[in-house]
């Protein structure tokens, strides 16, 4: 569950959306990796955004709750 003390629903939704978008872009960048400079740059940018989103989740939710959320996202169809 995306919640931390004092966290509003809008904040939880925004955090979850950022993580989802970062994960989808990272997956797309990996699939599109063809060795070209543009593909490598896309992957680097996607990794940077994913790390930033993950760091925000860890800071806001705490490590345990963030891990639970990542596991839930991984189990989603």
C-alpha atoms as a PDB file:
ATOM      1  CA  UNK A   1       0.000   0.000   0.000  1.00  0.00           C
ATOM      2  CA  UNK A   2       1.275   3.422  -0.943  1.00  0.00           C
ATOM      3  CA  UNK A   3       0.995   5.281   2.282  1.00  0.00           C
ATOM      4  CA  UNK A   4       3.090   7.178   4.691  1.00  0.00           C
ATOM      5  CA  UNK A   5       1.992   9.257   7.670  1.00  0.00           C
ATOM      6  CA  UNK A   6       0.306  12.425   6.447  1.00  0.00           C
ATOM      7  CA  UNK A   7       0.477  11.431   2.796  1.00  0.00           C
ATOM      8  CA  UNK A   8      -2.527  12.435   0.733  1.00  0.00           C
ATOM      9  CA  UNK A   9      -4.141  10.204  -1.881  1.00  0.00           C
ATOM     10  CA  UNK A  10      -3.070  12.535  -4.696  1.00  0.00           C
ATOM     11  CA  UNK A  11       0.548  12.215  -3.586  1.00  0.00           C
ATOM     12  CA  UNK A  12       0.307   8.420  -3.497  1.00  0.00           C
ATOM     13  CA  UNK A  13      -1.228   8.345  -6.964  1.00  0.00           C
ATOM     14  CA  UNK A  14       1.443  10.671  -8.362  1.00  0.00           C
ATOM     15  CA  UNK A  15       4.229   8.567  -6.846  1.00  0.00           C
ATOM     16  CA  UNK A  16       2.747   5.331  -8.178  1.00  0.00           C
ATOM     17  CA  UNK A  17       2.293   6.851 -11.636  1.00  0.00           C
ATOM     18  CA  UNK A  18       5.881   8.110 -11.717  1.00  0.00           C
ATOM     19  CA  UNK A  19       7.187   4.667 -10.800  1.00  0.00           C
ATOM     20  CA  UNK A  20       4.970   2.967 -13.369  1.00  0.00           C
ATOM     21  CA  UNK A  21       5.962   5.363 -16.153  1.00  0.00           C
ATOM     22  CA  UNK A  22       9.656   5.012 -15.300  1.00  0.00           C
ATOM     23  CA  UNK A  23       9.392   1.208 -15.299  1.00  0.00           C
ATOM     24  CA  UNK A  24       7.567   1.150 -18.635  1.00  0.00           C
ATOM     25  CA  UNK A  25      10.104   3.478 -20.246  1.00  0.00           C
ATOM     26  CA  UNK A  26      12.993   1.412 -18.903  1.00  0.00           C
ATOM     27  CA  UNK A  27      11.453  -1.774 -20.307  1.00  0.00           C
ATOM     28  CA  UNK A  28      10.833  -0.079 -23.657  1.00  0.00           C
ATOM     29  CA  UNK A  29      14.381   1.235 -23.786  1.00  0.00           C
ATOM     30  CA  UNK A  30      15.735  -2.239 -23.085  1.00  0.00           C
ATOM     31  CA  UNK A  31      13.572  -3.768 -25.807  1.00  0.00           C
ATOM     32  CA  UNK A  32      14.655  -1.089 -28.280  1.00  0.00           C
ATOM     33  CA  UNK A  33      18.354  -1.413 -27.541  1.00  0.00           C
ATOM     34  CA  UNK A  34      20.025  -1.896 -30.906  1.00  0.00           C
ATOM     35  CA  UNK A  35      23.485  -0.551 -30.153  1.00  0.00           C
ATOM     36  CA  UNK A  36      22.869   2.849 -31.702  1.00  0.00           C
ATOM     37  CA  UNK A  37      23.876   5.997 -29.818  1.00  0.00           C
ATOM     38  CA  UNK A  38      20.222   7.096 -29.656  1.00  0.00           C
ATOM     39  CA  UNK A  39      19.132   3.770 -28.140  1.00  0.00           C
ATOM     40  CA  UNK A  40      21.956   3.844 -25.607  1.00  0.00           C
ATOM     41  CA  UNK A  41      21.056   7.418 -24.653  1.00  0.00           C
ATOM     42  CA  UNK A  42      17.384   6.447 -24.249  1.00  0.00           C
ATOM     43  CA  UNK A  43      18.413   3.581 -21.961  1.00  0.00           C
ATOM     44  CA  UNK A  44      20.685   5.847 -19.911  1.00  0.00           C
ATOM     45  CA  UNK A  45      17.919   8.434 -19.534  1.00  0.00           C
ATOM     46  CA  UNK A  46      15.400   5.729 -18.593  1.00  0.00           C
ATOM     47  CA  UNK A  47      17.754   4.319 -15.958  1.00  0.00           C
ATOM     48  CA  UNK A  48      18.312   7.781 -14.515  1.00  0.00           C
ATOM     49  CA  UNK A  49      14.571   8.445 -14.237  1.00  0.00           C
ATOM     50  CA  UNK A  50      13.902   4.992 -12.773  1.00  0.00           C
ATOM     51  CA  UNK A  51      16.590   5.524 -10.129  1.00  0.00           C
ATOM     52  CA  UNK A  52      15.166   8.955  -9.291  1.00  0.00           C
ATOM     53  CA  UNK A  53      11.629   7.571  -8.982  1.00  0.00           C
ATOM     54  CA  UNK A  54      12.851   4.681  -6.865  1.00  0.00           C
ATOM     55  CA  UNK A  55      14.837   7.020  -4.617  1.00  0.00           C
ATOM     56  CA  UNK A  56      11.770   9.188  -4.132  1.00  0.00           C
ATOM     57  CA  UNK A  57       9.690   6.135  -3.234  1.00  0.00           C
ATOM     58  CA  UNK A  58      12.277   4.972  -0.723  1.00  0.00           C
ATOM     59  CA  UNK A  59      12.442   8.409   0.838  1.00  0.00           C
ATOM     60  CA  UNK A  60       8.677   8.931   0.980  1.00  0.00           C
ATOM     61  CA  UNK A  61       7.437   5.464   1.793  1.00  0.00           C
ATOM     62  CA  UNK A  62      10.341   3.918   3.573  1.00  0.00           C
ATOM     63  CA  UNK A  63      12.267   0.901   2.371  1.00  0.00           C
ATOM     64  CA  UNK A  64       9.799  -1.762   3.505  1.00  0.00           C
ATOM     65  CA  UNK A  65       6.738  -0.215   1.920  1.00  0.00           C
ATOM     66  CA  UNK A  66       8.644   0.563  -1.289  1.00  0.00           C
ATOM     67  CA  UNK A  67       9.787  -3.046  -1.536  1.00  0.00           C
ATOM     68  CA  UNK A  68       6.210  -4.249  -1.131  1.00  0.00           C
ATOM     69  CA  UNK A  69       5.086  -1.864  -3.879  1.00  0.00           C
ATOM     70  CA  UNK A  70       7.826  -2.986  -6.276  1.00  0.00           C
ATOM     71  CA  UNK A  71       6.885  -6.617  -5.633  1.00  0.00           C
ATOM     72  CA  UNK A  72       3.227  -5.805  -6.342  1.00  0.00           C
ATOM     73  CA  UNK A  73       4.167  -4.057  -9.599  1.00  0.00           C
ATOM     74  CA  UNK A  74       6.256  -7.065 -10.592  1.00  0.00           C
ATOM     75  CA  UNK A  75       3.331  -9.394  -9.959  1.00  0.00           C
ATOM     76  CA  UNK A  76       0.903  -7.266 -11.986  1.00  0.00           C
ATOM     77  CA  UNK A  77      -0.157  -8.670 -15.378  1.00  0.00           C
END
